[in-house]
Amino acid sequence: MKAFTVLTSKAVAIDQPNIDTDLLIPKQFLTRIDRSGYGPFLFYDLRFDDNGQENEGFILNRPEGQKAQILLARENFGCGSSREHAVWALDGFGFRVVIAPSFGDIFYNNSLSQGLLLIKLPPSSFEPLIKRVLETQGLELTVDLKAQTITTPDSQVIPFEIDSLRREKYLQGLDAIGLTLRHEEAILAYEKAHAKPWQASLPTGKN
């Protein structure tokens, strides 16, 4: 997966709680057989009307929302079904970070496989930040994973917490397989020493 260290980018905010995976990527777009190509369908029902015309009022269709890589939304982001496509759509659209007070559990774990960084902020930190981004969509933020900070244009620093193992995976660009392969030599040595472990307790045939 893609490593994440420091990102400076425009940020956009959607002032809505309980954004579920069906809103992130509607079910009619789940017929693809690979992980690519989902970006254009992200938030499809919010970005387009019933006639397929672009909704000019939606932030991702406005100039200040173009090329934003940081998304803020309210609590329980990514709830609903367990479809990985929701993460693929966010990644395909260009988002690298989502900041919210809480996330759907399965979505939170799925995010790691794509290197999509999810940051949980307590209300005391989150509310002032989302208010500011809603007032100035496209506000530039810097997310430093190593320092575990979010920095605003006027140098306000907002700390965040993340599990140490998850943080290391992001910094190194390692998914579960990559993390395991860091111990490849030890694994190979063990396999060589235990090539036929089921025979270890069998009699040798000697009396």
N, C-alpha and C. Protein backbone atom coordinates (compact mmCIF):
# COMPACT_ATOMS: atom_id res chain seq x y z
N MET A 1 0.84 -1.19 0.00
CA MET A 1 0.00 0.00 0.00
C MET A 1 0.88 1.25 0.00
N LYS A 2 0.29 2.40 -0.25
CA LYS A 2 1.04 3.65 -0.29
C LYS A 2 1.43 4.09 1.11
N ALA A 3 2.69 4.47 1.27
CA ALA A 3 3.14 4.98 2.56
C ALA A 3 2.57 6.37 2.79
N PHE A 4 2.43 6.73 4.06
CA PHE A 4 1.96 8.07 4.41
C PHE A 4 2.88 8.63 5.48
N THR A 5 3.40 9.83 5.23
CA THR A 5 4.24 10.50 6.22
C THR A 5 3.67 11.89 6.51
N VAL A 6 3.83 12.82 5.56
CA VAL A 6 3.31 14.18 5.72
C VAL A 6 2.54 14.56 4.46
N LEU A 7 1.39 15.20 4.64
CA LEU A 7 0.58 15.65 3.52
C LEU A 7 0.10 17.07 3.78
N THR A 8 0.33 17.96 2.82
CA THR A 8 -0.24 19.30 2.83
C THR A 8 -1.19 19.41 1.65
N SER A 9 -2.45 19.70 1.94
CA SER A 9 -3.46 19.68 0.89
C SER A 9 -4.65 20.54 1.28
N LYS A 10 -5.46 20.86 0.27
CA LYS A 10 -6.76 21.46 0.54
C LYS A 10 -7.63 20.47 1.31
N ALA A 11 -8.46 21.00 2.19
CA ALA A 11 -9.40 20.19 2.95
C ALA A 11 -10.82 20.65 2.65
N VAL A 12 -11.74 19.69 2.57
CA VAL A 12 -13.15 20.00 2.38
C VAL A 12 -13.94 19.29 3.48
N ALA A 13 -15.12 19.82 3.76
CA ALA A 13 -15.94 19.26 4.83
C ALA A 13 -17.36 19.02 4.34
N ILE A 14 -17.93 17.91 4.76
CA ILE A 14 -19.33 17.59 4.51
C ILE A 14 -20.02 17.53 5.87
N ASP A 15 -20.93 18.44 6.09
CA ASP A 15 -21.54 18.60 7.41
C ASP A 15 -22.70 17.63 7.59
N GLN A 16 -22.35 16.35 7.67
CA GLN A 16 -23.38 15.32 7.73
C GLN A 16 -22.88 14.12 8.53
N PRO A 17 -23.64 13.64 9.51
CA PRO A 17 -23.25 12.43 10.25
C PRO A 17 -23.73 11.18 9.52
N ASN A 18 -23.23 10.04 9.95
CA ASN A 18 -23.71 8.73 9.48
C ASN A 18 -23.64 8.58 7.96
N ILE A 19 -22.57 9.06 7.37
CA ILE A 19 -22.37 8.84 5.94
C ILE A 19 -22.00 7.37 5.76
N ASP A 20 -22.90 6.61 5.14
CA ASP A 20 -22.68 5.17 5.05
C ASP A 20 -21.99 4.80 3.74
N THR A 21 -21.64 3.54 3.64
CA THR A 21 -20.88 3.09 2.46
C THR A 21 -21.71 3.12 1.18
N ASP A 22 -23.03 3.06 1.30
CA ASP A 22 -23.87 3.16 0.10
C ASP A 22 -23.87 4.58 -0.43
N LEU A 23 -23.77 5.56 0.45
CA LEU A 23 -23.68 6.94 -0.01
C LEU A 23 -22.29 7.20 -0.60
N LEU A 24 -21.28 6.57 -0.03
CA LEU A 24 -19.93 6.73 -0.56
C LEU A 24 -19.81 6.13 -1.95
N ILE A 25 -20.37 4.94 -2.15
CA ILE A 25 -20.32 4.28 -3.47
C ILE A 25 -21.60 3.47 -3.63
N PRO A 26 -22.60 4.00 -4.34
CA PRO A 26 -23.90 3.30 -4.50
C PRO A 26 -23.74 1.91 -5.10
N LYS A 27 -24.67 1.06 -4.74
CA LYS A 27 -24.57 -0.37 -5.08
C LYS A 27 -24.52 -0.65 -6.56
N GLN A 28 -25.10 0.23 -7.39
CA GLN A 28 -25.13 -0.05 -8.83
C GLN A 28 -23.74 0.02 -9.47
N PHE A 29 -22.76 0.53 -8.72
CA PHE A 29 -21.41 0.65 -9.27
C PHE A 29 -20.46 -0.43 -8.73
N LEU A 30 -21.00 -1.46 -8.13
CA LEU A 30 -20.16 -2.48 -7.51
C LEU A 30 -19.90 -3.68 -8.42
N THR A 31 -20.12 -3.52 -9.70
CA THR A 31 -19.99 -4.66 -10.62
C THR A 31 -18.59 -4.81 -11.20
N ARG A 32 -17.70 -3.88 -10.92
CA ARG A 32 -16.34 -3.98 -11.45
C ARG A 32 -15.62 -5.16 -10.80
N ILE A 33 -14.64 -5.72 -11.49
CA ILE A 33 -13.96 -6.91 -10.98
C ILE A 33 -12.57 -6.60 -10.43
N ASP A 34 -12.18 -5.32 -10.43
CA ASP A 34 -10.90 -4.96 -9.82
C ASP A 34 -11.11 -3.75 -8.91
N ARG A 35 -10.01 -3.26 -8.35
CA ARG A 35 -10.11 -2.17 -7.37
C ARG A 35 -10.05 -0.79 -7.98
N SER A 36 -9.77 -0.70 -9.26
CA SER A 36 -9.59 0.60 -9.89
C SER A 36 -10.89 1.09 -10.52
N GLY A 37 -10.95 2.40 -10.75
CA GLY A 37 -12.06 2.98 -11.49
C GLY A 37 -13.28 3.37 -10.69
N TYR A 38 -13.20 3.34 -9.35
CA TYR A 38 -14.36 3.68 -8.53
C TYR A 38 -14.43 5.17 -8.19
N GLY A 39 -13.33 5.88 -8.35
CA GLY A 39 -13.28 7.29 -7.98
C GLY A 39 -14.39 8.15 -8.57
N PRO A 40 -14.71 8.03 -9.86
CA PRO A 40 -15.74 8.88 -10.45
C PRO A 40 -17.13 8.70 -9.85
N PHE A 41 -17.35 7.60 -9.12
CA PHE A 41 -18.68 7.32 -8.57
C PHE A 41 -18.79 7.67 -7.09
N LEU A 42 -17.72 8.23 -6.51
CA LEU A 42 -17.76 8.63 -5.10
C LEU A 42 -18.84 9.68 -4.88
N PHE A 43 -19.67 9.48 -3.85
CA PHE A 43 -20.75 10.42 -3.51
C PHE A 43 -21.65 10.71 -4.72
N TYR A 44 -21.87 9.70 -5.53
CA TYR A 44 -22.58 9.92 -6.80
C TYR A 44 -23.94 10.57 -6.59
N ASP A 45 -24.68 10.12 -5.59
CA ASP A 45 -26.04 10.64 -5.38
C ASP A 45 -26.04 12.07 -4.84
N LEU A 46 -24.92 12.53 -4.33
CA LEU A 46 -24.79 13.92 -3.90
C LEU A 46 -24.19 14.79 -5.00
N ARG A 47 -23.35 14.21 -5.81
CA ARG A 47 -22.67 14.97 -6.86
C ARG A 47 -23.53 15.18 -8.10
N PHE A 48 -24.52 14.28 -8.30
CA PHE A 48 -25.33 14.35 -9.52
C PHE A 48 -26.81 14.26 -9.18
N ASP A 49 -27.65 14.88 -10.03
CA ASP A 49 -29.09 14.78 -9.83
C ASP A 49 -29.65 13.56 -10.55
N ASP A 50 -30.96 13.41 -10.54
CA ASP A 50 -31.59 12.22 -11.13
C ASP A 50 -31.37 12.12 -12.63
N ASN A 51 -31.04 13.22 -13.26
CA ASN A 51 -30.79 13.23 -14.71
C ASN A 51 -29.31 13.10 -15.05
N GLY A 52 -28.49 12.87 -14.02
CA GLY A 52 -27.06 12.73 -14.25
C GLY A 52 -26.33 14.04 -14.42
N GLN A 53 -27.02 15.15 -14.11
CA GLN A 53 -26.40 16.45 -14.22
C GLN A 53 -25.66 16.79 -12.93
N GLU A 54 -24.54 17.44 -13.06
CA GLU A 54 -23.71 17.78 -11.90
C GLU A 54 -24.41 18.76 -10.97
N ASN A 55 -24.39 18.47 -9.68
CA ASN A 55 -24.93 19.35 -8.67
C ASN A 55 -23.88 20.40 -8.33
N GLU A 56 -24.07 21.60 -8.83
CA GLU A 56 -23.05 22.63 -8.69
C GLU A 56 -22.85 23.09 -7.25
N GLY A 57 -23.83 22.83 -6.39
CA GLY A 57 -23.70 23.25 -5.00
C GLY A 57 -22.90 22.31 -4.12
N PHE A 58 -22.66 21.08 -4.59
CA PHE A 58 -21.94 20.12 -3.77
C PHE A 58 -20.46 20.43 -3.80
N ILE A 59 -19.82 20.37 -2.64
CA ILE A 59 -18.46 20.86 -2.48
C ILE A 59 -17.47 20.21 -3.44
N LEU A 60 -17.61 18.91 -3.71
CA LEU A 60 -16.63 18.25 -4.58
C LEU A 60 -16.78 18.67 -6.03
N ASN A 61 -17.87 19.36 -6.36
CA ASN A 61 -18.05 19.86 -7.72
C ASN A 61 -17.66 21.33 -7.85
N ARG A 62 -17.30 21.96 -6.75
CA ARG A 62 -16.95 23.37 -6.77
C ARG A 62 -15.44 23.54 -6.88
N PRO A 63 -14.97 24.66 -7.43
CA PRO A 63 -13.52 24.85 -7.62
C PRO A 63 -12.70 24.67 -6.35
N GLU A 64 -13.22 25.15 -5.21
CA GLU A 64 -12.45 25.05 -3.98
C GLU A 64 -12.34 23.61 -3.47
N GLY A 65 -13.16 22.72 -4.01
CA GLY A 65 -13.09 21.32 -3.62
C GLY A 65 -12.26 20.46 -4.54
N GLN A 66 -11.84 21.02 -5.66
CA GLN A 66 -11.07 20.24 -6.63
C GLN A 66 -9.68 19.91 -6.09
N LYS A 67 -9.29 18.68 -6.26
CA LYS A 67 -7.97 18.17 -5.87
C LYS A 67 -7.74 18.19 -4.36
N ALA A 68 -8.80 18.30 -3.58
CA ALA A 68 -8.65 18.19 -2.13
C ALA A 68 -8.32 16.74 -1.78
N GLN A 69 -7.38 16.56 -0.87
CA GLN A 69 -6.99 15.21 -0.44
C GLN A 69 -7.35 14.93 1.02
N ILE A 70 -7.96 15.92 1.67
CA ILE A 70 -8.34 15.78 3.07
C ILE A 70 -9.84 16.04 3.18
N LEU A 71 -10.56 15.11 3.78
CA LEU A 71 -12.01 15.22 3.92
C LEU A 71 -12.39 15.19 5.39
N LEU A 72 -13.28 16.12 5.78
CA LEU A 72 -13.84 16.11 7.13
C LEU A 72 -15.32 15.79 7.05
N ALA A 73 -15.79 14.98 7.96
CA ALA A 73 -17.21 14.66 8.05
C ALA A 73 -17.54 14.37 9.50
N ARG A 74 -18.80 14.23 9.78
CA ARG A 74 -19.20 14.07 11.17
C ARG A 74 -19.20 12.59 11.58
N GLU A 75 -19.77 12.32 12.76
CA GLU A 75 -19.60 11.01 13.40
C GLU A 75 -20.15 9.85 12.58
N ASN A 76 -19.56 8.69 12.85
CA ASN A 76 -19.98 7.41 12.27
C ASN A 76 -19.77 7.37 10.76
N PHE A 77 -18.71 7.98 10.29
CA PHE A 77 -18.39 7.98 8.87
C PHE A 77 -18.03 6.56 8.44
N GLY A 78 -18.59 6.11 7.31
CA GLY A 78 -18.28 4.78 6.78
C GLY A 78 -19.08 3.67 7.44
N CYS A 79 -20.20 4.00 8.06
CA CYS A 79 -21.05 2.97 8.65
C CYS A 79 -21.77 2.21 7.54
N GLY A 80 -22.56 1.22 7.91
CA GLY A 80 -23.31 0.46 6.90
C GLY A 80 -22.61 -0.81 6.49
N SER A 81 -22.81 -1.23 5.24
CA SER A 81 -22.28 -2.50 4.76
C SER A 81 -20.76 -2.49 4.74
N SER A 82 -20.18 -3.68 4.64
CA SER A 82 -18.73 -3.83 4.78
C SER A 82 -17.97 -3.67 3.47
N ARG A 83 -18.60 -3.14 2.43
CA ARG A 83 -17.95 -3.08 1.11
C ARG A 83 -16.63 -2.31 1.13
N GLU A 84 -15.59 -2.97 0.65
CA GLU A 84 -14.29 -2.32 0.52
C GLU A 84 -14.31 -1.23 -0.55
N HIS A 85 -15.29 -1.31 -1.44
CA HIS A 85 -15.38 -0.36 -2.54
C HIS A 85 -15.45 1.08 -2.05
N ALA A 86 -15.98 1.29 -0.84
CA ALA A 86 -16.07 2.65 -0.30
C ALA A 86 -14.68 3.25 -0.12
N VAL A 87 -13.74 2.44 0.37
CA VAL A 87 -12.37 2.90 0.52
C VAL A 87 -11.73 3.10 -0.85
N TRP A 88 -11.99 2.17 -1.76
CA TRP A 88 -11.42 2.28 -3.11
C TRP A 88 -11.92 3.54 -3.81
N ALA A 89 -13.17 3.92 -3.59
CA ALA A 89 -13.73 5.11 -4.23
C ALA A 89 -13.08 6.37 -3.67
N LEU A 90 -12.92 6.45 -2.36
CA LEU A 90 -12.26 7.61 -1.76
C LEU A 90 -10.83 7.72 -2.26
N ASP A 91 -10.13 6.59 -2.27
CA ASP A 91 -8.75 6.57 -2.74
C ASP A 91 -8.69 6.95 -4.23
N GLY A 92 -9.59 6.40 -5.02
CA GLY A 92 -9.60 6.68 -6.44
C GLY A 92 -9.92 8.13 -6.77
N PHE A 93 -10.69 8.78 -5.91
CA PHE A 93 -11.03 10.19 -6.13
C PHE A 93 -9.87 11.10 -5.75
N GLY A 94 -8.96 10.58 -4.91
CA GLY A 94 -7.78 11.35 -4.55
C GLY A 94 -7.63 11.66 -3.08
N PHE A 95 -8.56 11.18 -2.26
CA PHE A 95 -8.45 11.46 -0.82
C PHE A 95 -7.41 10.56 -0.18
N ARG A 96 -6.59 11.17 0.69
CA ARG A 96 -5.60 10.42 1.46
C ARG A 96 -5.93 10.40 2.95
N VAL A 97 -6.76 11.36 3.41
CA VAL A 97 -7.06 11.48 4.83
C VAL A 97 -8.54 11.78 5.01
N VAL A 98 -9.16 11.12 6.00
CA VAL A 98 -10.52 11.47 6.43
C VAL A 98 -10.45 11.74 7.93
N ILE A 99 -11.01 12.89 8.33
CA ILE A 99 -11.02 13.29 9.73
C ILE A 99 -12.46 13.33 10.21
N ALA A 100 -12.74 12.65 11.31
CA ALA A 100 -14.10 12.59 11.84
C ALA A 100 -14.04 12.23 13.32
N PRO A 101 -15.14 12.42 14.06
CA PRO A 101 -15.14 12.02 15.47
C PRO A 101 -15.15 10.50 15.65
N SER A 102 -15.75 9.77 14.68
CA SER A 102 -15.80 8.31 14.78
C SER A 102 -16.06 7.73 13.41
N PHE A 103 -15.77 6.42 13.27
CA PHE A 103 -15.90 5.72 12.00
C PHE A 103 -16.59 4.38 12.20
N GLY A 104 -17.21 3.88 11.12
CA GLY A 104 -17.71 2.52 11.14
C GLY A 104 -16.54 1.56 11.33
N ASP A 105 -16.71 0.55 12.16
CA ASP A 105 -15.60 -0.33 12.52
C ASP A 105 -14.98 -1.05 11.33
N ILE A 106 -15.81 -1.64 10.47
CA ILE A 106 -15.27 -2.39 9.33
C ILE A 106 -14.60 -1.45 8.34
N PHE A 107 -15.23 -0.31 8.09
CA PHE A 107 -14.64 0.69 7.21
C PHE A 107 -13.29 1.14 7.75
N TYR A 108 -13.20 1.32 9.05
CA TYR A 108 -11.95 1.76 9.67
C TYR A 108 -10.83 0.76 9.39
N ASN A 109 -11.13 -0.52 9.50
CA ASN A 109 -10.11 -1.54 9.24
C ASN A 109 -9.82 -1.69 7.74
N ASN A 110 -10.85 -1.57 6.90
CA ASN A 110 -10.64 -1.66 5.46
C ASN A 110 -9.72 -0.56 4.95
N SER A 111 -9.75 0.58 5.60
CA SER A 111 -8.97 1.73 5.13
C SER A 111 -7.48 1.45 5.11
N LEU A 112 -7.03 0.61 6.02
CA LEU A 112 -5.60 0.35 6.13
C LEU A 112 -5.03 -0.33 4.89
N SER A 113 -5.84 -1.15 4.23
CA SER A 113 -5.34 -1.88 3.06
C SER A 113 -5.02 -0.96 1.89
N GLN A 114 -5.60 0.26 1.88
CA GLN A 114 -5.36 1.20 0.80
C GLN A 114 -4.48 2.38 1.22
N GLY A 115 -4.10 2.42 2.49
CA GLY A 115 -3.30 3.55 2.95
C GLY A 115 -4.12 4.80 3.15
N LEU A 116 -5.44 4.66 3.27
CA LEU A 116 -6.30 5.81 3.55
C LEU A 116 -6.25 6.07 5.05
N LEU A 117 -5.70 7.21 5.44
CA LEU A 117 -5.50 7.52 6.86
C LEU A 117 -6.79 8.08 7.45
N LEU A 118 -7.29 7.43 8.48
CA LEU A 118 -8.47 7.90 9.20
C LEU A 118 -8.04 8.46 10.54
N ILE A 119 -8.44 9.69 10.82
CA ILE A 119 -8.05 10.37 12.06
C ILE A 119 -9.30 10.65 12.88
N LYS A 120 -9.31 10.10 14.10
CA LYS A 120 -10.40 10.36 15.03
C LYS A 120 -10.00 11.53 15.93
N LEU A 121 -10.87 12.55 15.98
CA LEU A 121 -10.63 13.68 16.85
C LEU A 121 -11.76 13.80 17.87
N PRO A 122 -11.44 14.12 19.11
CA PRO A 122 -12.49 14.37 20.11
C PRO A 122 -13.24 15.64 19.75
N PRO A 123 -14.47 15.78 20.23
CA PRO A 123 -15.28 16.97 19.90
C PRO A 123 -14.58 18.29 20.17
N SER A 124 -13.81 18.36 21.24
CA SER A 124 -13.14 19.62 21.59
C SER A 124 -12.16 20.08 20.52
N SER A 125 -11.56 19.13 19.79
CA SER A 125 -10.65 19.46 18.69
C SER A 125 -11.37 19.50 17.36
N PHE A 126 -12.33 18.56 17.20
CA PHE A 126 -12.98 18.42 15.90
C PHE A 126 -13.92 19.58 15.57
N GLU A 127 -14.74 20.00 16.51
CA GLU A 127 -15.76 21.01 16.22
C GLU A 127 -15.16 22.33 15.72
N PRO A 128 -14.13 22.87 16.37
CA PRO A 128 -13.54 24.10 15.83
C PRO A 128 -12.94 23.91 14.44
N LEU A 129 -12.37 22.72 14.20
CA LEU A 129 -11.73 22.47 12.91
C LEU A 129 -12.75 22.36 11.79
N ILE A 130 -13.81 21.58 11.98
CA ILE A 130 -14.78 21.43 10.91
C ILE A 130 -15.53 22.76 10.67
N LYS A 131 -15.77 23.51 11.73
CA LYS A 131 -16.40 24.82 11.56
C LYS A 131 -15.55 25.72 10.67
N ARG A 132 -14.25 25.67 10.91
CA ARG A 132 -13.35 26.52 10.13
C ARG A 132 -13.31 26.08 8.66
N VAL A 133 -13.28 24.77 8.43
CA VAL A 133 -13.23 24.28 7.05
C VAL A 133 -14.57 24.54 6.34
N LEU A 134 -15.69 24.40 7.04
CA LEU A 134 -16.98 24.71 6.44
C LEU A 134 -17.08 26.18 6.05
N GLU A 135 -16.47 27.03 6.83
CA GLU A 135 -16.47 28.46 6.52
C GLU A 135 -15.53 28.79 5.38
N THR A 136 -14.44 28.01 5.26
CA THR A 136 -13.45 28.24 4.20
C THR A 136 -13.13 26.90 3.54
N GLN A 137 -14.04 26.44 2.69
CA GLN A 137 -13.79 25.17 2.00
C GLN A 137 -12.55 25.31 1.13
N GLY A 138 -11.71 24.29 1.16
CA GLY A 138 -10.44 24.35 0.45
C GLY A 138 -9.30 24.86 1.31
N LEU A 139 -9.57 25.06 2.62
CA LEU A 139 -8.53 25.49 3.55
C LEU A 139 -7.37 24.48 3.53
N GLU A 140 -6.17 24.98 3.49
CA GLU A 140 -5.00 24.10 3.43
C GLU A 140 -4.62 23.62 4.83
N LEU A 141 -4.50 22.30 4.97
CA LEU A 141 -4.07 21.70 6.22
C LEU A 141 -2.84 20.83 5.96
N THR A 142 -2.03 20.67 6.99
CA THR A 142 -0.89 19.76 6.93
C THR A 142 -1.09 18.66 7.97
N VAL A 143 -1.07 17.42 7.50
CA VAL A 143 -1.18 16.26 8.39
C VAL A 143 0.18 15.60 8.46
N ASP A 144 0.74 15.55 9.65
CA ASP A 144 2.04 14.93 9.89
C ASP A 144 1.81 13.68 10.74
N LEU A 145 1.92 12.53 10.12
CA LEU A 145 1.64 11.29 10.84
C LEU A 145 2.72 10.97 11.86
N LYS A 146 3.96 11.25 11.52
CA LYS A 146 5.05 10.95 12.46
C LYS A 146 4.89 11.77 13.73
N ALA A 147 4.56 13.05 13.58
CA ALA A 147 4.37 13.91 14.75
C ALA A 147 2.97 13.79 15.33
N GLN A 148 2.06 13.17 14.57
CA GLN A 148 0.66 13.02 14.96
C GLN A 148 0.01 14.38 15.21
N THR A 149 0.12 15.24 14.19
CA THR A 149 -0.44 16.59 14.30
C THR A 149 -1.13 17.00 13.01
N ILE A 150 -2.10 17.89 13.15
CA ILE A 150 -2.74 18.59 12.04
C ILE A 150 -2.43 20.07 12.25
N THR A 151 -1.92 20.73 11.22
CA THR A 151 -1.53 22.13 11.34
C THR A 151 -2.32 22.99 10.36
N THR A 152 -2.86 24.09 10.85
CA THR A 152 -3.66 25.02 10.03
C THR A 152 -2.74 26.09 9.43
N PRO A 153 -3.25 26.89 8.48
CA PRO A 153 -2.41 27.92 7.85
C PRO A 153 -1.84 28.95 8.82
N ASP A 154 -2.52 29.18 9.95
CA ASP A 154 -2.01 30.14 10.93
C ASP A 154 -1.21 29.45 12.03
N SER A 155 -0.73 28.25 11.73
CA SER A 155 0.18 27.50 12.61
C SER A 155 -0.48 26.97 13.88
N GLN A 156 -1.79 26.86 13.89
CA GLN A 156 -2.44 26.17 15.00
C GLN A 156 -2.17 24.68 14.85
N VAL A 157 -1.74 24.02 15.92
CA VAL A 157 -1.37 22.61 15.88
C VAL A 157 -2.41 21.81 16.67
N ILE A 158 -2.99 20.82 16.00
CA ILE A 158 -4.01 19.97 16.61
C ILE A 158 -3.45 18.55 16.71
N PRO A 159 -3.21 18.05 17.90
CA PRO A 159 -2.66 16.68 18.03
C PRO A 159 -3.76 15.63 17.85
N PHE A 160 -3.36 14.46 17.42
CA PHE A 160 -4.29 13.34 17.33
C PHE A 160 -3.59 12.06 17.77
N GLU A 161 -4.39 11.07 18.14
CA GLU A 161 -3.87 9.80 18.59
C GLU A 161 -4.14 8.72 17.53
N ILE A 162 -3.22 7.77 17.43
CA ILE A 162 -3.42 6.63 16.53
C ILE A 162 -2.66 5.44 17.12
N ASP A 163 -3.24 4.27 16.96
CA ASP A 163 -2.59 3.05 17.45
C ASP A 163 -1.18 2.94 16.87
N SER A 164 -0.22 2.58 17.71
CA SER A 164 1.19 2.58 17.29
C SER A 164 1.47 1.60 16.15
N LEU A 165 0.85 0.42 16.17
CA LEU A 165 1.07 -0.54 15.10
C LEU A 165 0.46 -0.04 13.79
N ARG A 166 -0.74 0.50 13.85
CA ARG A 166 -1.37 1.06 12.65
C ARG A 166 -0.54 2.22 12.11
N ARG A 167 -0.03 3.07 12.99
CA ARG A 167 0.80 4.20 12.58
C ARG A 167 2.04 3.70 11.85
N GLU A 168 2.68 2.65 12.37
CA GLU A 168 3.88 2.11 11.74
C GLU A 168 3.56 1.54 10.36
N LYS A 169 2.42 0.89 10.22
CA LYS A 169 2.03 0.36 8.91
C LYS A 169 1.89 1.46 7.88
N TYR A 170 1.25 2.56 8.27
CA TYR A 170 1.10 3.70 7.35
C TYR A 170 2.45 4.31 7.00
N LEU A 171 3.28 4.54 8.01
CA LEU A 171 4.57 5.19 7.76
C LEU A 171 5.45 4.35 6.83
N GLN A 172 5.38 3.03 6.98
CA GLN A 172 6.21 2.14 6.18
C GLN A 172 5.53 1.68 4.89
N GLY A 173 4.24 1.99 4.75
CA GLY A 173 3.51 1.53 3.58
C GLY A 173 3.31 0.03 3.57
N LEU A 174 3.02 -0.53 4.74
CA LEU A 174 2.92 -1.98 4.87
C LEU A 174 1.49 -2.40 5.19
N ASP A 175 0.94 -3.29 4.37
CA ASP A 175 -0.32 -3.92 4.74
C ASP A 175 0.00 -5.14 5.60
N ALA A 176 -1.01 -5.97 5.90
CA ALA A 176 -0.78 -7.11 6.79
C ALA A 176 0.26 -8.07 6.21
N ILE A 177 0.22 -8.28 4.88
CA ILE A 177 1.20 -9.17 4.25
C ILE A 177 2.60 -8.57 4.32
N GLY A 178 2.70 -7.29 4.00
CA GLY A 178 4.00 -6.63 4.06
C GLY A 178 4.61 -6.64 5.44
N LEU A 179 3.75 -6.46 6.45
CA LEU A 179 4.23 -6.49 7.83
C LEU A 179 4.77 -7.87 8.17
N THR A 180 4.09 -8.92 7.72
CA THR A 180 4.54 -10.29 7.96
C THR A 180 5.86 -10.57 7.26
N LEU A 181 6.00 -10.06 6.02
CA LEU A 181 7.20 -10.34 5.23
C LEU A 181 8.45 -9.66 5.79
N ARG A 182 8.29 -8.73 6.71
CA ARG A 182 9.47 -8.16 7.37
C ARG A 182 10.21 -9.23 8.18
N HIS A 183 9.50 -10.32 8.49
CA HIS A 183 10.09 -11.43 9.25
C HIS A 183 10.31 -12.65 8.34
N GLU A 184 10.51 -12.38 7.05
CA GLU A 184 10.60 -13.47 6.08
C GLU A 184 11.74 -14.44 6.40
N GLU A 185 12.89 -13.92 6.80
CA GLU A 185 14.02 -14.80 7.08
C GLU A 185 13.71 -15.74 8.24
N ALA A 186 13.09 -15.21 9.27
CA ALA A 186 12.73 -16.03 10.42
C ALA A 186 11.67 -17.07 10.04
N ILE A 187 10.75 -16.68 9.19
CA ILE A 187 9.70 -17.60 8.74
C ILE A 187 10.31 -18.74 7.94
N LEU A 188 11.22 -18.39 7.01
CA LEU A 188 11.87 -19.42 6.19
C LEU A 188 12.71 -20.37 7.04
N ALA A 189 13.39 -19.79 8.03
CA ALA A 189 14.20 -20.64 8.91
C ALA A 189 13.32 -21.60 9.70
N TYR A 190 12.19 -21.11 10.17
CA TYR A 190 11.27 -21.98 10.91
C TYR A 190 10.72 -23.08 10.01
N GLU A 191 10.33 -22.70 8.78
CA GLU A 191 9.80 -23.70 7.86
C GLU A 191 10.83 -24.76 7.52
N LYS A 192 12.09 -24.35 7.39
CA LYS A 192 13.14 -25.31 7.08
C LYS A 192 13.36 -26.27 8.25
N ALA A 193 13.30 -25.72 9.47
CA ALA A 193 13.52 -26.56 10.65
C ALA A 193 12.33 -27.45 10.96
N HIS A 194 11.17 -27.10 10.42
CA HIS A 194 9.95 -27.88 10.69
C HIS A 194 9.29 -28.28 9.37
N ALA A 195 10.13 -28.81 8.48
CA ALA A 195 9.63 -29.15 7.15
C ALA A 195 8.51 -30.17 7.19
N LYS A 196 8.61 -31.13 8.13
CA LYS A 196 7.56 -32.16 8.24
C LYS A 196 7.17 -32.29 9.71
N PRO A 197 6.56 -31.28 10.26
CA PRO A 197 6.27 -31.30 11.71
C PRO A 197 5.35 -32.43 12.11
N TRP A 198 4.49 -32.91 11.18
CA TRP A 198 3.58 -34.00 11.54
C TRP A 198 4.30 -35.33 11.76
N GLN A 199 5.60 -35.42 11.36
CA GLN A 199 6.37 -36.64 11.55
C GLN A 199 7.20 -36.62 12.82
N ALA A 200 7.18 -35.48 13.52
CA ALA A 200 8.09 -35.32 14.65
C ALA A 200 7.87 -36.38 15.73
N SER A 201 6.65 -36.80 15.96
CA SER A 201 6.39 -37.73 17.06
C SER A 201 6.17 -39.17 16.58
N LEU A 202 6.41 -39.42 15.28
CA LEU A 202 6.21 -40.77 14.76
C LEU A 202 7.42 -41.66 15.12
N PRO A 203 7.19 -42.93 15.30
CA PRO A 203 8.30 -43.85 15.59
C PRO A 203 9.24 -43.95 14.40
N THR A 204 10.51 -44.21 14.67
CA THR A 204 11.52 -44.26 13.61
C THR A 204 11.53 -45.60 12.88
N GLY A 205 10.90 -46.60 13.42
CA GLY A 205 10.91 -47.93 12.80
C GLY A 205 11.96 -48.83 13.39
N LYS A 206 12.81 -48.31 14.27
CA LYS A 206 13.85 -49.12 14.91
C LYS A 206 13.33 -49.68 16.21
N ASN A 207 13.66 -50.92 16.54
CA ASN A 207 13.25 -51.57 17.79
C ASN A 207 14.28 -51.28 18.88
